[in-house]
Amino acid sequence: MKKIKRISALILAVFLFSLYGLTLYAALTSSPESHALFMASIYCTVAIPITIYAYMLVYRLLKKDSQDKIHKE
């Protein structure tokens, strides 16, 4: 289980760093779609970690509740 968590964390870290690189590229280029690309990458840079954190929080709460029910029986 630890190995899966480490691999998924590494994949997500690479994905976020690539988003940072994409944001920098969009900010420095002057192509017609660079503004839309910049705004999308900024949004994803903020929204993806918040969404992952929310999923982890809900999972912990649901896991704790299910374990409490098991121990009560």
PDB file of N, CA and C in Angstrom:
ATOM      1  N   MET A   1       0.816  -1.190   0.000  1.00  0.00           N
ATOM      2  CA  MET A   1       0.000   0.000   0.000  1.00  0.00           C
ATOM      3  C   MET A   1       0.867   1.264   0.000  1.00  0.00           C
ATOM      4  N   LYS A   2       1.975   1.217   0.749  1.00  0.00           N
ATOM      5  CA  LYS A   2       2.859   2.381   0.789  1.00  0.00           C
ATOM      6  C   LYS A   2       3.469   2.667  -0.572  1.00  0.00           C
ATOM      7  N   LYS A   3       3.756   1.594  -1.313  1.00  0.00           N
ATOM      8  CA  LYS A   3       4.362   1.759  -2.625  1.00  0.00           C
ATOM      9  C   LYS A   3       3.400   2.453  -3.586  1.00  0.00           C
ATOM     10  N   ILE A   4       2.133   2.094  -3.509  1.00  0.00           N
ATOM     11  CA  ILE A   4       1.115   2.720  -4.364  1.00  0.00           C
ATOM     12  C   ILE A   4       0.963   4.195  -4.013  1.00  0.00           C
ATOM     13  N   LYS A   5       0.970   4.496  -2.727  1.00  0.00           N
ATOM     14  CA  LYS A   5       0.852   5.894  -2.297  1.00  0.00           C
ATOM     15  C   LYS A   5       2.045   6.714  -2.775  1.00  0.00           C
ATOM     16  N   ARG A   6       3.235   6.148  -2.693  1.00  0.00           N
ATOM     17  CA  ARG A   6       4.428   6.880  -3.135  1.00  0.00           C
ATOM     18  C   ARG A   6       4.414   7.123  -4.631  1.00  0.00           C
ATOM     19  N   ILE A   7       3.997   6.123  -5.393  1.00  0.00           N
ATOM     20  CA  ILE A   7       3.943   6.272  -6.850  1.00  0.00           C
ATOM     21  C   ILE A   7       2.902   7.306  -7.236  1.00  0.00           C
ATOM     22  N   SER A   8       1.734   7.255  -6.606  1.00  0.00           N
ATOM     23  CA  SER A   8       0.698   8.237  -6.934  1.00  0.00           C
ATOM     24  C   SER A   8       1.120   9.644  -6.511  1.00  0.00           C
ATOM     25  N   ALA A   9       1.806   9.773  -5.391  1.00  0.00           N
ATOM     26  CA  ALA A   9       2.294  11.083  -4.980  1.00  0.00           C
ATOM     27  C   ALA A   9       3.334  11.622  -5.952  1.00  0.00           C
ATOM     28  N   LEU A  10       4.195  10.756  -6.439  1.00  0.00           N
ATOM     29  CA  LEU A  10       5.199  11.164  -7.421  1.00  0.00           C
ATOM     30  C   LEU A  10       4.538  11.598  -8.727  1.00  0.00           C
ATOM     31  N   ILE A  11       3.547  10.853  -9.176  1.00  0.00           N
ATOM     32  CA  ILE A  11       2.833  11.212 -10.402  1.00  0.00           C
ATOM     33  C   ILE A  11       2.141  12.567 -10.248  1.00  0.00           C
ATOM     34  N   LEU A  12       1.492  12.786  -9.113  1.00  0.00           N
ATOM     35  CA  LEU A  12       0.822  14.067  -8.887  1.00  0.00           C
ATOM     36  C   LEU A  12       1.817  15.216  -8.778  1.00  0.00           C
ATOM     37  N   ALA A  13       2.971  14.974  -8.174  1.00  0.00           N
ATOM     38  CA  ALA A  13       3.984  16.017  -8.074  1.00  0.00           C
ATOM     39  C   ALA A  13       4.513  16.390  -9.451  1.00  0.00           C
ATOM     40  N   VAL A  14       4.764  15.388 -10.290  1.00  0.00           N
ATOM     41  CA  VAL A  14       5.216  15.664 -11.657  1.00  0.00           C
ATOM     42  C   VAL A  14       4.146  16.431 -12.422  1.00  0.00           C
ATOM     43  N   PHE A  15       2.895  16.052 -12.246  1.00  0.00           N
ATOM     44  CA  PHE A  15       1.793  16.744 -12.914  1.00  0.00           C
ATOM     45  C   PHE A  15       1.709  18.208 -12.479  1.00  0.00           C
ATOM     46  N   LEU A  16       1.834  18.463 -11.186  1.00  0.00           N
ATOM     47  CA  LEU A  16       1.775  19.849 -10.704  1.00  0.00           C
ATOM     48  C   LEU A  16       2.971  20.662 -11.186  1.00  0.00           C
ATOM     49  N   PHE A  17       4.154  20.067 -11.200  1.00  0.00           N
ATOM     50  CA  PHE A  17       5.316  20.796 -11.716  1.00  0.00           C
ATOM     51  C   PHE A  17       5.181  21.091 -13.200  1.00  0.00           C
ATOM     52  N   SER A  18       4.568  20.166 -13.937  1.00  0.00           N
ATOM     53  CA  SER A  18       4.333  20.447 -15.353  1.00  0.00           C
ATOM     54  C   SER A  18       3.304  21.561 -15.523  1.00  0.00           C
ATOM     55  N   LEU A  19       2.339  21.641 -14.627  1.00  0.00           N
ATOM     56  CA  LEU A  19       1.395  22.768 -14.673  1.00  0.00           C
ATOM     57  C   LEU A  19       2.108  24.090 -14.404  1.00  0.00           C
ATOM     58  N   TYR A  20       3.054  24.092 -13.472  1.00  0.00           N
ATOM     59  CA  TYR A  20       3.823  25.307 -13.218  1.00  0.00           C
ATOM     60  C   TYR A  20       4.626  25.702 -14.447  1.00  0.00           C
ATOM     61  N   GLY A  21       5.223  24.723 -15.105  1.00  0.00           N
ATOM     62  CA  GLY A  21       5.970  24.993 -16.333  1.00  0.00           C
ATOM     63  C   GLY A  21       5.065  25.513 -17.436  1.00  0.00           C
ATOM     64  N   LEU A  22       3.876  24.939 -17.554  1.00  0.00           N
ATOM     65  CA  LEU A  22       2.905  25.403 -18.536  1.00  0.00           C
ATOM     66  C   LEU A  22       2.461  26.834 -18.232  1.00  0.00           C
ATOM     67  N   THR A  23       2.285  27.141 -16.974  1.00  0.00           N
ATOM     68  CA  THR A  23       1.916  28.499 -16.586  1.00  0.00           C
ATOM     69  C   THR A  23       3.012  29.482 -16.960  1.00  0.00           C
ATOM     70  N   LEU A  24       4.249  29.126 -16.683  1.00  0.00           N
ATOM     71  CA  LEU A  24       5.369  29.988 -17.037  1.00  0.00           C
ATOM     72  C   LEU A  24       5.474  30.156 -18.545  1.00  0.00           C
ATOM     73  N   TYR A  25       5.317  29.086 -19.286  1.00  0.00           N
ATOM     74  CA  TYR A  25       5.366  29.152 -20.743  1.00  0.00           C
ATOM     75  C   TYR A  25       4.253  30.054 -21.285  1.00  0.00           C
ATOM     76  N   ALA A  26       3.047  29.894 -20.760  1.00  0.00           N
ATOM     77  CA  ALA A  26       1.923  30.706 -21.229  1.00  0.00           C
ATOM     78  C   ALA A  26       2.105  32.175 -20.871  1.00  0.00           C
ATOM     79  N   ALA A  27       2.755  32.433 -19.750  1.00  0.00           N
ATOM     80  CA  ALA A  27       2.969  33.822 -19.347  1.00  0.00           C
ATOM     81  C   ALA A  27       4.028  34.505 -20.212  1.00  0.00           C
ATOM     82  N   LEU A  28       5.003  33.746 -20.704  1.00  0.00           N
ATOM     83  CA  LEU A  28       6.104  34.349 -21.441  1.00  0.00           C
ATOM     84  C   LEU A  28       5.893  34.404 -22.954  1.00  0.00           C
ATOM     85  N   THR A  29       4.988  33.594 -23.470  1.00  0.00           N
ATOM     86  CA  THR A  29       4.759  33.607 -24.917  1.00  0.00           C
ATOM     87  C   THR A  29       3.675  34.616 -25.276  1.00  0.00           C
ATOM     88  N   SER A  30       3.652  34.975 -26.534  1.00  0.00           N
ATOM     89  CA  SER A  30       2.659  35.963 -26.971  1.00  0.00           C
ATOM     90  C   SER A  30       1.770  35.401 -28.084  1.00  0.00           C
ATOM     91  N   SER A  31       1.439  34.135 -27.989  1.00  0.00           N
ATOM     92  CA  SER A  31       0.537  33.562 -28.980  1.00  0.00           C
ATOM     93  C   SER A  31      -0.906  33.957 -28.645  1.00  0.00           C
ATOM     94  N   PRO A  32      -1.805  33.870 -29.605  1.00  0.00           N
ATOM     95  CA  PRO A  32      -3.196  34.294 -29.356  1.00  0.00           C
ATOM     96  C   PRO A  32      -3.897  33.512 -28.244  1.00  0.00           C
ATOM     97  N   GLU A  33      -3.577  32.236 -28.091  1.00  0.00           N
ATOM     98  CA  GLU A  33      -4.256  31.446 -27.060  1.00  0.00           C
ATOM     99  C   GLU A  33      -3.495  31.398 -25.742  1.00  0.00           C
ATOM    100  N   SER A  34      -2.440  32.161 -25.605  1.00  0.00           N
ATOM    101  CA  SER A  34      -1.640  32.090 -24.374  1.00  0.00           C
ATOM    102  C   SER A  34      -2.394  32.632 -23.161  1.00  0.00           C
ATOM    103  N   HIS A  35      -3.249  33.618 -23.351  1.00  0.00           N
ATOM    104  CA  HIS A  35      -4.016  34.153 -22.212  1.00  0.00           C
ATOM    105  C   HIS A  35      -4.971  33.090 -21.668  1.00  0.00           C
ATOM    106  N   ALA A  36      -5.694  32.407 -22.548  1.00  0.00           N
ATOM    107  CA  ALA A  36      -6.612  31.362 -22.106  1.00  0.00           C
ATOM    108  C   ALA A  36      -5.849  30.203 -21.479  1.00  0.00           C
ATOM    109  N   LEU A  37      -4.715  29.852 -22.057  1.00  0.00           N
ATOM    110  CA  LEU A  37      -3.882  28.790 -21.511  1.00  0.00           C
ATOM    111  C   LEU A  37      -3.342  29.173 -20.138  1.00  0.00           C
ATOM    112  N   PHE A  38      -2.936  30.410 -19.982  1.00  0.00           N
ATOM    113  CA  PHE A  38      -2.436  30.899 -18.695  1.00  0.00           C
ATOM    114  C   PHE A  38      -3.521  30.839 -17.631  1.00  0.00           C
ATOM    115  N   MET A  39      -4.715  31.302 -17.962  1.00  0.00           N
ATOM    116  CA  MET A  39      -5.807  31.299 -16.988  1.00  0.00           C
ATOM    117  C   MET A  39      -6.215  29.870 -16.619  1.00  0.00           C
ATOM    118  N   ALA A  40      -6.242  28.979 -17.591  1.00  0.00           N
ATOM    119  CA  ALA A  40      -6.597  27.589 -17.315  1.00  0.00           C
ATOM    120  C   ALA A  40      -5.554  26.916 -16.432  1.00  0.00           C
ATOM    121  N   SER A  41      -4.287  27.172 -16.687  1.00  0.00           N
ATOM    122  CA  SER A  41      -3.246  26.538 -15.883  1.00  0.00           C
ATOM    123  C   SER A  41      -3.205  27.099 -14.465  1.00  0.00           C
ATOM    124  N   ILE A  42      -3.476  28.395 -14.315  1.00  0.00           N
ATOM    125  CA  ILE A  42      -3.571  28.970 -12.963  1.00  0.00           C
ATOM    126  C   ILE A  42      -4.740  28.339 -12.206  1.00  0.00           C
ATOM    127  N   TYR A  43      -5.869  28.194 -12.871  1.00  0.00           N
ATOM    128  CA  TYR A  43      -7.039  27.576 -12.237  1.00  0.00           C
ATOM    129  C   TYR A  43      -6.728  26.143 -11.808  1.00  0.00           C
ATOM    130  N   CYS A  44      -6.121  25.367 -12.690  1.00  0.00           N
ATOM    131  CA  CYS A  44      -5.800  23.973 -12.370  1.00  0.00           C
ATOM    132  C   CYS A  44      -4.751  23.870 -11.270  1.00  0.00           C
ATOM    133  N   THR A  45      -3.825  24.802 -11.246  1.00  0.00           N
ATOM    134  CA  THR A  45      -2.798  24.804 -10.209  1.00  0.00           C
ATOM    135  C   THR A  45      -3.412  24.999  -8.830  1.00  0.00           C
ATOM    136  N   VAL A  46      -4.502  25.732  -8.759  1.00  0.00           N
ATOM    137  CA  VAL A  46      -5.176  25.962  -7.482  1.00  0.00           C
ATOM    138  C   VAL A  46      -6.239  24.892  -7.225  1.00  0.00           C
ATOM    139  N   ALA A  47      -7.030  24.566  -8.218  1.00  0.00           N
ATOM    140  CA  ALA A  47      -8.186  23.691  -8.023  1.00  0.00           C
ATOM    141  C   ALA A  47      -7.810  22.232  -7.787  1.00  0.00           C
ATOM    142  N   ILE A  48      -6.807  21.737  -8.463  1.00  0.00           N
ATOM    143  CA  ILE A  48      -6.463  20.314  -8.331  1.00  0.00           C
ATOM    144  C   ILE A  48      -5.976  19.973  -6.915  1.00  0.00           C
ATOM    145  N   PRO A  49      -5.045  20.719  -6.314  1.00  0.00           N
ATOM    146  CA  PRO A  49      -4.645  20.378  -4.939  1.00  0.00           C
ATOM    147  C   PRO A  49      -5.791  20.520  -3.929  1.00  0.00           C
ATOM    148  N   ILE A  50      -6.649  21.508  -4.120  1.00  0.00           N
ATOM    149  CA  ILE A  50      -7.786  21.669  -3.210  1.00  0.00           C
ATOM    150  C   ILE A  50      -8.737  20.488  -3.335  1.00  0.00           C
ATOM    151  N   THR A  51      -8.980  20.040  -4.554  1.00  0.00           N
ATOM    152  CA  THR A  51      -9.866  18.900  -4.774  1.00  0.00           C
ATOM    153  C   THR A  51      -9.275  17.625  -4.184  1.00  0.00           C
ATOM    154  N   ILE A  52      -7.991  17.416  -4.373  1.00  0.00           N
ATOM    155  CA  ILE A  52      -7.335  16.232  -3.811  1.00  0.00           C
ATOM    156  C   ILE A  52      -7.400  16.263  -2.289  1.00  0.00           C
ATOM    157  N   TYR A  53      -7.168  17.423  -1.691  1.00  0.00           N
ATOM    158  CA  TYR A  53      -7.245  17.550  -0.238  1.00  0.00           C
ATOM    159  C   TYR A  53      -8.661  17.256   0.256  1.00  0.00           C
ATOM    160  N   ALA A  54      -9.666  17.756  -0.453  1.00  0.00           N
ATOM    161  CA  ALA A  54     -11.051  17.511  -0.056  1.00  0.00           C
ATOM    162  C   ALA A  54     -11.387  16.028  -0.142  1.00  0.00           C
ATOM    163  N   TYR A  55     -10.932  15.350  -1.211  1.00  0.00           N
ATOM    164  CA  TYR A  55     -11.161  13.910  -1.324  1.00  0.00           C
ATOM    165  C   TYR A  55     -10.499  13.155  -0.186  1.00  0.00           C
ATOM    166  N   MET A  56      -9.288  13.534   0.157  1.00  0.00           N
ATOM    167  CA  MET A  56      -8.584  12.861   1.248  1.00  0.00           C
ATOM    168  C   MET A  56      -9.293  13.086   2.578  1.00  0.00           C
ATOM    169  N   LEU A  57      -9.786  14.276   2.802  1.00  0.00           N
ATOM    170  CA  LEU A  57     -10.494  14.585   4.042  1.00  0.00           C
ATOM    171  C   LEU A  57     -11.777  13.777   4.154  1.00  0.00           C
ATOM    172  N   VAL A  58     -12.552  13.720   3.081  1.00  0.00           N
ATOM    173  CA  VAL A  58     -13.791  12.943   3.092  1.00  0.00           C
ATOM    174  C   VAL A  58     -13.481  11.461   3.288  1.00  0.00           C
ATOM    175  N   TYR A  59     -12.447  10.965   2.632  1.00  0.00           N
ATOM    176  CA  TYR A  59     -12.073   9.557   2.785  1.00  0.00           C
ATOM    177  C   TYR A  59     -11.709   9.241   4.231  1.00  0.00           C
ATOM    178  N   ARG A  60     -10.932  10.116   4.850  1.00  0.00           N
ATOM    179  CA  ARG A  60     -10.564   9.892   6.254  1.00  0.00           C
ATOM    180  C   ARG A  60     -11.793   9.876   7.156  1.00  0.00           C
ATOM    181  N   LEU A  61     -12.718  10.804   6.921  1.00  0.00           N
ATOM    182  CA  LEU A  61     -13.918  10.857   7.758  1.00  0.00           C
ATOM    183  C   LEU A  61     -14.788   9.619   7.558  1.00  0.00           C
ATOM    184  N   LEU A  62     -14.953   9.190   6.328  1.00  0.00           N
ATOM    185  CA  LEU A  62     -15.764   8.002   6.067  1.00  0.00           C
ATOM    186  C   LEU A  62     -15.091   6.736   6.584  1.00  0.00           C
ATOM    187  N   LYS A  63     -13.796   6.664   6.459  1.00  0.00           N
ATOM    188  CA  LYS A  63     -13.058   5.503   6.948  1.00  0.00           C
ATOM    189  C   LYS A  63     -13.146   5.425   8.470  1.00  0.00           C
ATOM    190  N   LYS A  64     -13.049   6.567   9.136  1.00  0.00           N
ATOM    191  CA  LYS A  64     -13.131   6.600  10.591  1.00  0.00           C
ATOM    192  C   LYS A  64     -14.520   6.164  11.052  1.00  0.00           C
ATOM    193  N   ASP A  65     -15.570   6.640  10.378  1.00  0.00           N
ATOM    194  CA  ASP A  65     -16.929   6.262  10.738  1.00  0.00           C
ATOM    195  C   ASP A  65     -17.158   4.770  10.538  1.00  0.00           C
ATOM    196  N   SER A  66     -16.654   4.212   9.457  1.00  0.00           N
ATOM    197  CA  SER A  66     -16.852   2.789   9.201  1.00  0.00           C
ATOM    198  C   SER A  66     -16.081   1.946  10.209  1.00  0.00           C
ATOM    199  N   GLN A  67     -14.912   2.396  10.625  1.00  0.00           N
ATOM    200  CA  GLN A  67     -14.147   1.656  11.626  1.00  0.00           C
ATOM    201  C   GLN A  67     -14.837   1.739  12.989  1.00  0.00           C
ATOM    202  N   ASP A  68     -15.447   2.880  13.302  1.00  0.00           N
ATOM    203  CA  ASP A  68     -16.175   3.003  14.563  1.00  0.00           C
ATOM    204  C   ASP A  68     -17.368   2.052  14.588  1.00  0.00           C
ATOM    205  N   LYS A  69     -18.062   1.889  13.473  1.00  0.00           N
ATOM    206  CA  LYS A  69     -19.196   0.979  13.412  1.00  0.00           C
ATOM    207  C   LYS A  69     -18.754  -0.468  13.568  1.00  0.00           C
ATOM    208  N   ILE A  70     -17.608  -0.809  13.000  1.00  0.00           N
ATOM    209  CA  ILE A  70     -17.098  -2.173  13.101  1.00  0.00           C
ATOM    210  C   ILE A  70     -16.735  -2.504  14.552  1.00  0.00           C
ATOM    211  N   HIS A  71     -16.093  -1.541  15.227  1.00  0.00           N
ATOM    212  CA  HIS A  71     -15.659  -1.782  16.603  1.00  0.00           C
ATOM    213  C   HIS A  71     -16.833  -1.820  17.582  1.00  0.00           C
ATOM    214  N   LYS A  72     -17.932  -1.154  17.271  1.00  0.00           N
ATOM    215  CA  LYS A  72     -19.103  -1.158  18.154  1.00  0.00           C
ATOM    216  C   LYS A  72     -19.847  -2.481  18.085  1.00  0.00           C
ATOM    217  N   GLU A  73     -19.753  -3.174  16.955  1.00  0.00           N
ATOM    218  CA  GLU A  73     -20.495  -4.438  16.803  1.00  0.00           C
ATOM    219  C   GLU A  73     -19.829  -5.546  17.468  1.00  0.00           C
TER     220      GLU A  73
END
